[in-house]
Amino acid sequence: MVNGKVENLLYFKAGLSFDAFKLAIKMFEAFLAAAGSGESPDYYKARNYLRDADKFYKEAFAEAKKLLGPLPPYAAAEFEKWRSDFVRQHKLLTESQEFAALKEEMAQDAQLVRWIDSPDLERLLAKEYEPQKTGKRKLANIKTRIMLDRLQELAIQANDLKKKAQEKLQGRA
C-alpha cells in the first residue's frame, strides 16, 4: 500500500452530510412557511436532500468505526500503523485531556467550526466529556463523537420537519 495521498473520507462524507441536512432543513422550513397546502417542489427537494444526508451520515459513521474503532483480530500490523499515522496526519484525535483545553482545541479546528456553531460545540462537549472519559471510549476520539452527535441532531430535526411537511402536503395542517 504505497499510496502517497489518501483522502480523509470521514470528513468528506461528514461534510456532505452536514451540507445535505442543512439544505433539507432549510427547504422543509421554506415549504412549511409557504402559504397554502403546498404543491411546491421544495418538499420533494428537501426529502431528497434528507435521503442523501442519511446515506452520507451512515457512510461517515462506518468510516469513523474503521478509523477509530477497535481493530479486528485479523488486522495486519501494517494496517494498524497506517491507521495510526492517518488519524494523526488528519488530526482526527484530540491531544488535550482537560475540559477547558479541549474546548479551546475544538474551537481552533477549522472543520468543526465550519460545521458546528460555537454554542452547539460547547454544549456537545459538555454533554460528551464525562461519558467519553469513562468506559471503553477514548477521550482522544471525542472530536469525532461530537461531529457524529451533531449530525444525529440535525437528522432528528430534519425528520421532524419532514413529518410536519407531510401533514401539510396531505392537507391536515
N, C-alpha and C. Protein backbone atom coordinates (compact mmCIF):
# COMPACT_ATOMS: atom_id res chain seq x y z
N MET A 1 0.85 -1.18 0.00
CA MET A 1 0.00 0.00 0.00
C MET A 1 0.89 1.24 0.00
N VAL A 2 1.38 1.62 -1.16
CA VAL A 2 2.29 2.74 -1.28
C VAL A 2 1.57 3.91 -1.96
N ASN A 3 0.48 4.32 -1.37
CA ASN A 3 -0.29 5.43 -1.90
C ASN A 3 0.15 6.70 -1.17
N GLY A 4 0.66 7.67 -1.90
CA GLY A 4 1.17 8.89 -1.30
C GLY A 4 0.11 9.75 -0.65
N LYS A 5 -1.05 9.88 -1.28
CA LYS A 5 -2.10 10.73 -0.74
C LYS A 5 -3.38 9.92 -0.62
N VAL A 6 -3.91 9.87 0.58
CA VAL A 6 -5.16 9.16 0.84
C VAL A 6 -6.18 10.17 1.34
N GLU A 7 -7.35 10.17 0.75
CA GLU A 7 -8.41 11.11 1.10
C GLU A 7 -8.98 10.79 2.47
N ASN A 8 -9.29 11.82 3.22
CA ASN A 8 -9.94 11.68 4.51
C ASN A 8 -11.44 11.52 4.25
N LEU A 9 -11.88 10.29 4.07
CA LEU A 9 -13.28 10.04 3.74
C LEU A 9 -14.23 10.38 4.88
N LEU A 10 -13.74 10.30 6.11
CA LEU A 10 -14.59 10.62 7.24
C LEU A 10 -15.06 12.08 7.14
N TYR A 11 -14.14 12.99 6.99
CA TYR A 11 -14.50 14.40 6.89
C TYR A 11 -15.24 14.70 5.58
N PHE A 12 -14.88 14.02 4.52
CA PHE A 12 -15.54 14.22 3.24
C PHE A 12 -17.02 13.84 3.34
N LYS A 13 -17.29 12.65 3.86
CA LYS A 13 -18.68 12.18 3.98
C LYS A 13 -19.45 12.99 5.02
N ALA A 14 -18.78 13.33 6.13
CA ALA A 14 -19.44 14.14 7.15
C ALA A 14 -19.79 15.52 6.59
N GLY A 15 -18.90 16.11 5.81
CA GLY A 15 -19.17 17.40 5.20
C GLY A 15 -20.36 17.35 4.26
N LEU A 16 -20.42 16.29 3.45
CA LEU A 16 -21.58 16.13 2.56
C LEU A 16 -22.86 15.97 3.36
N SER A 17 -22.79 15.24 4.45
CA SER A 17 -23.96 15.02 5.29
C SER A 17 -24.41 16.32 5.96
N PHE A 18 -23.46 17.09 6.52
CA PHE A 18 -23.82 18.38 7.12
C PHE A 18 -24.50 19.27 6.09
N ASP A 19 -23.92 19.38 4.91
CA ASP A 19 -24.49 20.24 3.87
C ASP A 19 -25.89 19.79 3.48
N ALA A 20 -26.07 18.50 3.27
CA ALA A 20 -27.37 17.98 2.84
C ALA A 20 -28.42 18.13 3.95
N PHE A 21 -28.05 17.87 5.21
CA PHE A 21 -29.01 18.06 6.30
C PHE A 21 -29.44 19.52 6.40
N LYS A 22 -28.48 20.43 6.30
CA LYS A 22 -28.81 21.86 6.41
C LYS A 22 -29.70 22.32 5.26
N LEU A 23 -29.44 21.82 4.05
CA LEU A 23 -30.31 22.15 2.91
C LEU A 23 -31.70 21.58 3.10
N ALA A 24 -31.78 20.34 3.58
CA ALA A 24 -33.09 19.72 3.80
C ALA A 24 -33.88 20.52 4.82
N ILE A 25 -33.25 20.89 5.92
CA ILE A 25 -33.93 21.67 6.96
C ILE A 25 -34.40 23.00 6.41
N LYS A 26 -33.53 23.67 5.67
CA LYS A 26 -33.88 24.97 5.09
C LYS A 26 -35.08 24.84 4.14
N MET A 27 -35.07 23.81 3.31
CA MET A 27 -36.15 23.64 2.34
C MET A 27 -37.45 23.20 3.00
N PHE A 28 -37.37 22.33 4.02
CA PHE A 28 -38.59 21.96 4.74
C PHE A 28 -39.19 23.19 5.43
N GLU A 29 -38.33 24.02 6.04
CA GLU A 29 -38.81 25.23 6.70
C GLU A 29 -39.45 26.18 5.70
N ALA A 30 -38.86 26.32 4.52
CA ALA A 30 -39.43 27.18 3.48
C ALA A 30 -40.78 26.63 3.03
N PHE A 31 -40.87 25.32 2.87
CA PHE A 31 -42.13 24.70 2.47
C PHE A 31 -43.21 24.93 3.52
N LEU A 32 -42.84 24.76 4.79
CA LEU A 32 -43.81 24.93 5.86
C LEU A 32 -44.23 26.40 6.02
N ALA A 33 -43.33 27.33 5.71
CA ALA A 33 -43.64 28.75 5.84
C ALA A 33 -44.50 29.27 4.69
N ALA A 34 -44.48 28.57 3.56
CA ALA A 34 -45.25 29.00 2.39
C ALA A 34 -46.75 28.87 2.66
N ALA A 35 -47.51 29.79 2.10
CA ALA A 35 -48.96 29.77 2.28
C ALA A 35 -49.57 28.67 1.42
N GLY A 36 -50.74 28.21 1.82
CA GLY A 36 -51.45 27.20 1.04
C GLY A 36 -51.05 25.80 1.43
N SER A 37 -51.71 24.83 0.77
CA SER A 37 -51.44 23.42 1.09
C SER A 37 -50.10 22.98 0.53
N GLY A 38 -49.61 23.68 -0.45
CA GLY A 38 -48.26 23.42 -0.93
C GLY A 38 -48.14 22.34 -1.97
N GLU A 39 -48.05 22.77 -3.18
CA GLU A 39 -47.70 21.87 -4.27
C GLU A 39 -46.29 22.22 -4.74
N SER A 40 -45.53 22.76 -3.83
CA SER A 40 -44.19 23.25 -4.13
C SER A 40 -43.21 22.09 -4.31
N PRO A 41 -42.28 22.24 -5.24
CA PRO A 41 -41.25 21.20 -5.39
C PRO A 41 -40.25 21.21 -4.23
N ASP A 42 -40.34 22.24 -3.35
CA ASP A 42 -39.43 22.31 -2.20
C ASP A 42 -39.54 21.07 -1.32
N TYR A 43 -40.74 20.58 -1.13
CA TYR A 43 -40.93 19.39 -0.30
C TYR A 43 -40.15 18.21 -0.85
N TYR A 44 -40.25 17.99 -2.15
CA TYR A 44 -39.59 16.83 -2.76
C TYR A 44 -38.08 17.01 -2.81
N LYS A 45 -37.63 18.25 -3.03
CA LYS A 45 -36.19 18.52 -2.99
C LYS A 45 -35.65 18.26 -1.58
N ALA A 46 -36.37 18.75 -0.59
CA ALA A 46 -35.95 18.58 0.80
C ALA A 46 -35.90 17.10 1.16
N ARG A 47 -36.88 16.37 0.72
CA ARG A 47 -36.91 14.93 1.00
C ARG A 47 -35.71 14.22 0.37
N ASN A 48 -35.34 14.63 -0.84
CA ASN A 48 -34.17 14.05 -1.49
C ASN A 48 -32.88 14.43 -0.77
N TYR A 49 -32.78 15.68 -0.32
CA TYR A 49 -31.61 16.09 0.45
C TYR A 49 -31.50 15.28 1.74
N LEU A 50 -32.64 15.06 2.39
CA LEU A 50 -32.65 14.28 3.63
C LEU A 50 -32.20 12.84 3.37
N ARG A 51 -32.68 12.26 2.30
CA ARG A 51 -32.27 10.89 1.95
C ARG A 51 -30.76 10.82 1.72
N ASP A 52 -30.23 11.80 0.97
CA ASP A 52 -28.78 11.83 0.72
C ASP A 52 -28.00 12.05 2.00
N ALA A 53 -28.49 12.94 2.85
CA ALA A 53 -27.81 13.23 4.12
C ALA A 53 -27.73 11.99 4.99
N ASP A 54 -28.82 11.24 5.05
CA ASP A 54 -28.82 9.99 5.83
C ASP A 54 -27.80 9.00 5.27
N LYS A 55 -27.74 8.90 3.97
CA LYS A 55 -26.78 7.99 3.33
C LYS A 55 -25.34 8.41 3.67
N PHE A 56 -25.04 9.70 3.55
CA PHE A 56 -23.70 10.18 3.85
C PHE A 56 -23.36 10.02 5.33
N TYR A 57 -24.36 10.20 6.21
CA TYR A 57 -24.14 10.02 7.64
C TYR A 57 -23.74 8.57 7.93
N LYS A 58 -24.46 7.64 7.34
CA LYS A 58 -24.14 6.22 7.56
C LYS A 58 -22.74 5.89 7.06
N GLU A 59 -22.36 6.46 5.92
CA GLU A 59 -21.02 6.22 5.39
C GLU A 59 -19.95 6.85 6.28
N ALA A 60 -20.22 8.05 6.81
CA ALA A 60 -19.26 8.71 7.71
C ALA A 60 -19.13 7.91 9.00
N PHE A 61 -20.24 7.39 9.50
CA PHE A 61 -20.21 6.58 10.72
C PHE A 61 -19.39 5.31 10.51
N ALA A 62 -19.59 4.67 9.37
CA ALA A 62 -18.81 3.46 9.06
C ALA A 62 -17.32 3.78 8.95
N GLU A 63 -17.00 4.91 8.35
CA GLU A 63 -15.60 5.33 8.23
C GLU A 63 -15.00 5.62 9.60
N ALA A 64 -15.78 6.24 10.47
CA ALA A 64 -15.31 6.53 11.84
C ALA A 64 -15.03 5.23 12.59
N LYS A 65 -15.90 4.25 12.43
CA LYS A 65 -15.68 2.96 13.09
C LYS A 65 -14.41 2.30 12.56
N LYS A 66 -14.18 2.41 11.26
CA LYS A 66 -12.99 1.81 10.66
C LYS A 66 -11.72 2.48 11.16
N LEU A 67 -11.76 3.80 11.29
CA LEU A 67 -10.56 4.55 11.68
C LEU A 67 -10.33 4.61 13.18
N LEU A 68 -11.40 4.62 13.97
CA LEU A 68 -11.25 4.85 15.40
C LEU A 68 -11.74 3.70 16.27
N GLY A 69 -12.45 2.77 15.69
CA GLY A 69 -12.98 1.65 16.46
C GLY A 69 -11.91 0.62 16.75
N PRO A 70 -12.30 -0.43 17.45
CA PRO A 70 -11.33 -1.48 17.75
C PRO A 70 -10.86 -2.19 16.48
N LEU A 71 -9.62 -2.58 16.51
CA LEU A 71 -9.07 -3.30 15.35
C LEU A 71 -9.62 -4.72 15.32
N PRO A 72 -9.95 -5.20 14.14
CA PRO A 72 -10.38 -6.59 14.04
C PRO A 72 -9.20 -7.51 14.36
N PRO A 73 -9.48 -8.69 14.87
CA PRO A 73 -8.38 -9.59 15.27
C PRO A 73 -7.48 -10.02 14.10
N TYR A 74 -8.00 -9.96 12.91
CA TYR A 74 -7.23 -10.39 11.73
C TYR A 74 -6.44 -9.25 11.10
N ALA A 75 -6.49 -8.03 11.67
CA ALA A 75 -5.83 -6.88 11.06
C ALA A 75 -4.31 -7.05 11.09
N ALA A 76 -3.71 -6.70 9.97
CA ALA A 76 -2.26 -6.80 9.85
C ALA A 76 -1.59 -5.65 10.59
N ALA A 77 -0.36 -5.83 10.96
CA ALA A 77 0.39 -4.80 11.67
C ALA A 77 0.52 -3.54 10.81
N GLU A 78 0.63 -3.72 9.48
CA GLU A 78 0.74 -2.56 8.59
C GLU A 78 -0.52 -1.70 8.64
N PHE A 79 -1.68 -2.36 8.76
CA PHE A 79 -2.93 -1.61 8.83
C PHE A 79 -2.99 -0.78 10.11
N GLU A 80 -2.57 -1.37 11.21
CA GLU A 80 -2.56 -0.65 12.48
C GLU A 80 -1.66 0.57 12.41
N LYS A 81 -0.49 0.43 11.79
CA LYS A 81 0.44 1.55 11.65
C LYS A 81 -0.15 2.60 10.71
N TRP A 82 -0.73 2.15 9.58
CA TRP A 82 -1.33 3.08 8.62
C TRP A 82 -2.45 3.88 9.28
N ARG A 83 -3.30 3.19 10.03
CA ARG A 83 -4.43 3.84 10.68
C ARG A 83 -3.95 4.86 11.71
N SER A 84 -2.97 4.50 12.47
CA SER A 84 -2.40 5.41 13.47
C SER A 84 -1.81 6.65 12.81
N ASP A 85 -1.06 6.45 11.75
CA ASP A 85 -0.47 7.58 11.02
C ASP A 85 -1.55 8.44 10.38
N PHE A 86 -2.58 7.81 9.85
CA PHE A 86 -3.66 8.51 9.16
C PHE A 86 -4.42 9.43 10.11
N VAL A 87 -4.81 8.90 11.28
CA VAL A 87 -5.59 9.72 12.21
C VAL A 87 -4.74 10.86 12.78
N ARG A 88 -3.46 10.63 12.91
CA ARG A 88 -2.56 11.69 13.39
C ARG A 88 -2.39 12.76 12.30
N GLN A 89 -2.16 12.33 11.07
CA GLN A 89 -1.96 13.24 9.95
C GLN A 89 -3.18 14.13 9.72
N HIS A 90 -4.36 13.56 9.81
CA HIS A 90 -5.59 14.31 9.54
C HIS A 90 -6.20 14.92 10.80
N LYS A 91 -5.49 14.82 11.90
CA LYS A 91 -5.91 15.44 13.17
C LYS A 91 -7.33 15.02 13.57
N LEU A 92 -7.60 13.72 13.51
CA LEU A 92 -8.89 13.20 13.91
C LEU A 92 -8.99 13.01 15.42
N LEU A 93 -7.86 12.97 16.09
CA LEU A 93 -7.83 12.77 17.53
C LEU A 93 -7.52 14.10 18.22
N THR A 94 -8.01 14.23 19.45
CA THR A 94 -7.67 15.41 20.24
C THR A 94 -6.43 15.10 21.06
N GLU A 95 -5.69 16.14 21.37
CA GLU A 95 -4.49 15.97 22.18
C GLU A 95 -4.73 16.32 23.64
N SER A 96 -5.66 17.21 23.90
CA SER A 96 -5.94 17.68 25.25
C SER A 96 -6.73 16.66 26.04
N GLN A 97 -6.59 16.74 27.36
CA GLN A 97 -7.33 15.85 28.25
C GLN A 97 -8.28 16.61 29.17
N GLU A 98 -8.00 17.88 29.42
CA GLU A 98 -8.82 18.69 30.31
C GLU A 98 -9.91 19.40 29.52
N PHE A 99 -11.05 19.66 30.19
CA PHE A 99 -12.21 20.24 29.52
C PHE A 99 -11.90 21.58 28.86
N ALA A 100 -11.28 22.50 29.59
CA ALA A 100 -11.00 23.83 29.04
C ALA A 100 -10.06 23.75 27.84
N ALA A 101 -9.05 22.89 27.94
CA ALA A 101 -8.10 22.73 26.84
C ALA A 101 -8.78 22.10 25.62
N LEU A 102 -9.67 21.14 25.86
CA LEU A 102 -10.41 20.52 24.76
C LEU A 102 -11.32 21.55 24.08
N LYS A 103 -11.96 22.37 24.88
CA LYS A 103 -12.84 23.41 24.33
C LYS A 103 -12.05 24.34 23.42
N GLU A 104 -10.87 24.74 23.85
CA GLU A 104 -10.02 25.62 23.05
C GLU A 104 -9.53 24.90 21.79
N GLU A 105 -9.13 23.64 21.94
CA GLU A 105 -8.63 22.86 20.79
C GLU A 105 -9.71 22.71 19.72
N MET A 106 -10.93 22.44 20.15
CA MET A 106 -12.02 22.27 19.18
C MET A 106 -12.42 23.59 18.54
N ALA A 107 -12.29 24.68 19.29
CA ALA A 107 -12.60 26.00 18.73
C ALA A 107 -11.60 26.37 17.64
N GLN A 108 -10.42 25.77 17.69
CA GLN A 108 -9.38 26.04 16.70
C GLN A 108 -9.47 25.11 15.48
N ASP A 109 -10.28 24.06 15.56
CA ASP A 109 -10.41 23.10 14.47
C ASP A 109 -11.29 23.70 13.37
N ALA A 110 -10.69 23.96 12.22
CA ALA A 110 -11.40 24.63 11.12
C ALA A 110 -12.61 23.85 10.63
N GLN A 111 -12.51 22.53 10.57
CA GLN A 111 -13.64 21.72 10.08
C GLN A 111 -14.81 21.77 11.05
N LEU A 112 -14.54 21.54 12.33
CA LEU A 112 -15.63 21.55 13.30
C LEU A 112 -16.32 22.91 13.36
N VAL A 113 -15.55 23.98 13.33
CA VAL A 113 -16.11 25.32 13.40
C VAL A 113 -16.95 25.61 12.15
N ARG A 114 -16.54 25.06 11.03
CA ARG A 114 -17.29 25.25 9.79
C ARG A 114 -18.65 24.55 9.86
N TRP A 115 -18.69 23.38 10.49
CA TRP A 115 -19.90 22.58 10.52
C TRP A 115 -20.78 22.86 11.73
N ILE A 116 -20.17 23.14 12.88
CA ILE A 116 -20.92 23.23 14.13
C ILE A 116 -20.71 24.62 14.73
N ASP A 117 -21.79 25.31 15.04
CA ASP A 117 -21.70 26.62 15.66
C ASP A 117 -21.09 26.50 17.05
N SER A 118 -20.45 27.56 17.50
CA SER A 118 -19.74 27.55 18.78
C SER A 118 -20.61 27.14 19.97
N PRO A 119 -21.84 27.68 20.10
CA PRO A 119 -22.66 27.24 21.25
C PRO A 119 -22.98 25.75 21.21
N ASP A 120 -23.24 25.23 20.02
CA ASP A 120 -23.52 23.79 19.89
C ASP A 120 -22.28 22.97 20.19
N LEU A 121 -21.14 23.45 19.76
CA LEU A 121 -19.88 22.75 20.03
C LEU A 121 -19.62 22.66 21.53
N GLU A 122 -19.81 23.76 22.23
CA GLU A 122 -19.62 23.77 23.68
C GLU A 122 -20.64 22.87 24.38
N ARG A 123 -21.88 22.93 23.94
CA ARG A 123 -22.94 22.10 24.54
C ARG A 123 -22.65 20.61 24.36
N LEU A 124 -22.25 20.23 23.15
CA LEU A 124 -21.95 18.83 22.88
C LEU A 124 -20.71 18.36 23.63
N LEU A 125 -19.71 19.22 23.74
CA LEU A 125 -18.52 18.87 24.51
C LEU A 125 -18.88 18.65 25.96
N ALA A 126 -19.69 19.54 26.54
CA ALA A 126 -20.10 19.38 27.94
C ALA A 126 -20.89 18.09 28.13
N LYS A 127 -21.72 17.77 27.16
CA LYS A 127 -22.55 16.55 27.25
C LYS A 127 -21.70 15.29 27.13
N GLU A 128 -20.71 15.28 26.26
CA GLU A 128 -19.94 14.07 25.97
C GLU A 128 -18.66 13.92 26.77
N TYR A 129 -18.19 14.96 27.44
CA TYR A 129 -16.89 14.92 28.09
C TYR A 129 -16.78 13.79 29.12
N GLU A 130 -17.67 13.75 30.09
CA GLU A 130 -17.59 12.73 31.14
C GLU A 130 -17.81 11.31 30.60
N PRO A 131 -18.87 11.07 29.79
CA PRO A 131 -19.06 9.70 29.28
C PRO A 131 -17.88 9.23 28.41
N GLN A 132 -17.26 10.15 27.69
CA GLN A 132 -16.16 9.77 26.81
C GLN A 132 -14.91 9.42 27.63
N LYS A 133 -14.75 10.01 28.81
CA LYS A 133 -13.59 9.73 29.66
C LYS A 133 -13.69 8.36 30.31
N THR A 134 -14.90 7.87 30.53
CA THR A 134 -15.08 6.62 31.25
C THR A 134 -15.43 5.50 30.28
N GLY A 135 -15.37 4.30 30.77
CA GLY A 135 -15.75 3.14 29.96
C GLY A 135 -14.69 2.78 28.93
N LYS A 136 -15.13 2.20 27.85
CA LYS A 136 -14.21 1.73 26.81
C LYS A 136 -13.84 2.81 25.81
N ARG A 137 -14.50 3.95 25.89
CA ARG A 137 -14.24 5.03 24.94
C ARG A 137 -12.93 5.73 25.26
N LYS A 138 -12.33 6.30 24.23
CA LYS A 138 -11.09 7.06 24.40
C LYS A 138 -11.42 8.53 24.27
N LEU A 139 -10.89 9.32 25.19
CA LEU A 139 -11.15 10.76 25.17
C LEU A 139 -10.62 11.40 23.89
N ALA A 140 -9.57 10.82 23.32
CA ALA A 140 -8.99 11.37 22.09
C ALA A 140 -9.98 11.33 20.92
N ASN A 141 -10.99 10.47 20.99
CA ASN A 141 -11.97 10.34 19.91
C ASN A 141 -13.17 11.27 20.06
N ILE A 142 -13.13 12.16 21.04
CA ILE A 142 -14.31 13.00 21.32
C ILE A 142 -14.67 13.93 20.17
N LYS A 143 -13.69 14.35 19.40
CA LYS A 143 -13.97 15.24 18.27
C LYS A 143 -14.91 14.56 17.27
N THR A 144 -14.63 13.32 16.97
CA THR A 144 -15.48 12.57 16.04
C THR A 144 -16.83 12.27 16.67
N ARG A 145 -16.85 11.97 17.96
CA ARG A 145 -18.12 11.71 18.66
C ARG A 145 -19.02 12.94 18.57
N ILE A 146 -18.46 14.12 18.80
CA ILE A 146 -19.24 15.36 18.76
C ILE A 146 -19.76 15.61 17.35
N MET A 147 -18.92 15.38 16.36
CA MET A 147 -19.33 15.57 14.97
C MET A 147 -20.51 14.64 14.62
N LEU A 148 -20.42 13.37 15.01
CA LEU A 148 -21.49 12.42 14.72
C LEU A 148 -22.76 12.73 15.52
N ASP A 149 -22.59 13.18 16.76
CA ASP A 149 -23.76 13.56 17.57
C ASP A 149 -24.49 14.75 16.95
N ARG A 150 -23.75 15.71 16.45
CA ARG A 150 -24.38 16.88 15.81
C ARG A 150 -25.13 16.47 14.54
N LEU A 151 -24.55 15.53 13.81
CA LEU A 151 -25.25 15.02 12.62
C LEU A 151 -26.54 14.32 13.01
N GLN A 152 -26.51 13.58 14.11
CA GLN A 152 -27.73 12.92 14.60
C GLN A 152 -28.79 13.94 14.98
N GLU A 153 -28.38 15.01 15.64
CA GLU A 153 -29.33 16.06 16.00
C GLU A 153 -29.96 16.69 14.76
N LEU A 154 -29.15 16.95 13.75
CA LEU A 154 -29.68 17.50 12.51
C LEU A 154 -30.64 16.53 11.83
N ALA A 155 -30.33 15.24 11.91
CA ALA A 155 -31.22 14.22 11.33
C ALA A 155 -32.57 14.22 12.04
N ILE A 156 -32.56 14.31 13.35
CA ILE A 156 -33.82 14.35 14.11
C ILE A 156 -34.62 15.59 13.75
N GLN A 157 -33.94 16.73 13.69
CA GLN A 157 -34.62 17.98 13.34
C GLN A 157 -35.22 17.89 11.93
N ALA A 158 -34.45 17.37 10.98
CA ALA A 158 -34.93 17.27 9.60
C ALA A 158 -36.10 16.30 9.50
N ASN A 159 -36.04 15.19 10.22
CA ASN A 159 -37.14 14.22 10.16
C ASN A 159 -38.41 14.77 10.81
N ASP A 160 -38.27 15.56 11.88
CA ASP A 160 -39.44 16.20 12.48
C ASP A 160 -40.08 17.17 11.49
N LEU A 161 -39.25 17.96 10.82
CA LEU A 161 -39.77 18.89 9.82
C LEU A 161 -40.42 18.14 8.65
N LYS A 162 -39.85 17.00 8.30
CA LYS A 162 -40.42 16.19 7.21
C LYS A 162 -41.83 15.73 7.58
N LYS A 163 -42.02 15.29 8.83
CA LYS A 163 -43.35 14.85 9.26
C LYS A 163 -44.36 15.99 9.18
N LYS A 164 -43.94 17.17 9.64
CA LYS A 164 -44.83 18.33 9.57
C LYS A 164 -45.14 18.70 8.12
N ALA A 165 -44.14 18.60 7.26
CA ALA A 165 -44.33 18.92 5.84
C ALA A 165 -45.25 17.89 5.19
N GLN A 166 -45.12 16.62 5.58
CA GLN A 166 -46.02 15.59 5.03
C GLN A 166 -47.46 15.88 5.42
N GLU A 167 -47.65 16.29 6.68
CA GLU A 167 -49.01 16.62 7.13
C GLU A 167 -49.57 17.81 6.35
N LYS A 168 -48.75 18.80 6.11
CA LYS A 168 -49.18 19.96 5.33
C LYS A 168 -49.51 19.54 3.91
N LEU A 169 -48.67 18.70 3.33
CA LEU A 169 -48.87 18.25 1.96
C LEU A 169 -50.19 17.47 1.84
N GLN A 170 -50.51 16.72 2.87
CA GLN A 170 -51.74 15.93 2.85
C GLN A 170 -52.96 16.74 3.29
N GLY A 171 -52.71 18.02 3.60
CA GLY A 171 -53.82 18.90 3.92
C GLY A 171 -54.33 18.80 5.33
N ARG A 172 -53.55 18.23 6.23
CA ARG A 172 -54.00 18.09 7.64
C ARG A 172 -53.52 19.21 8.54
N ALA A 173 -52.65 20.05 8.02
CA ALA A 173 -52.10 21.09 8.92
C ALA A 173 -52.80 22.42 8.72
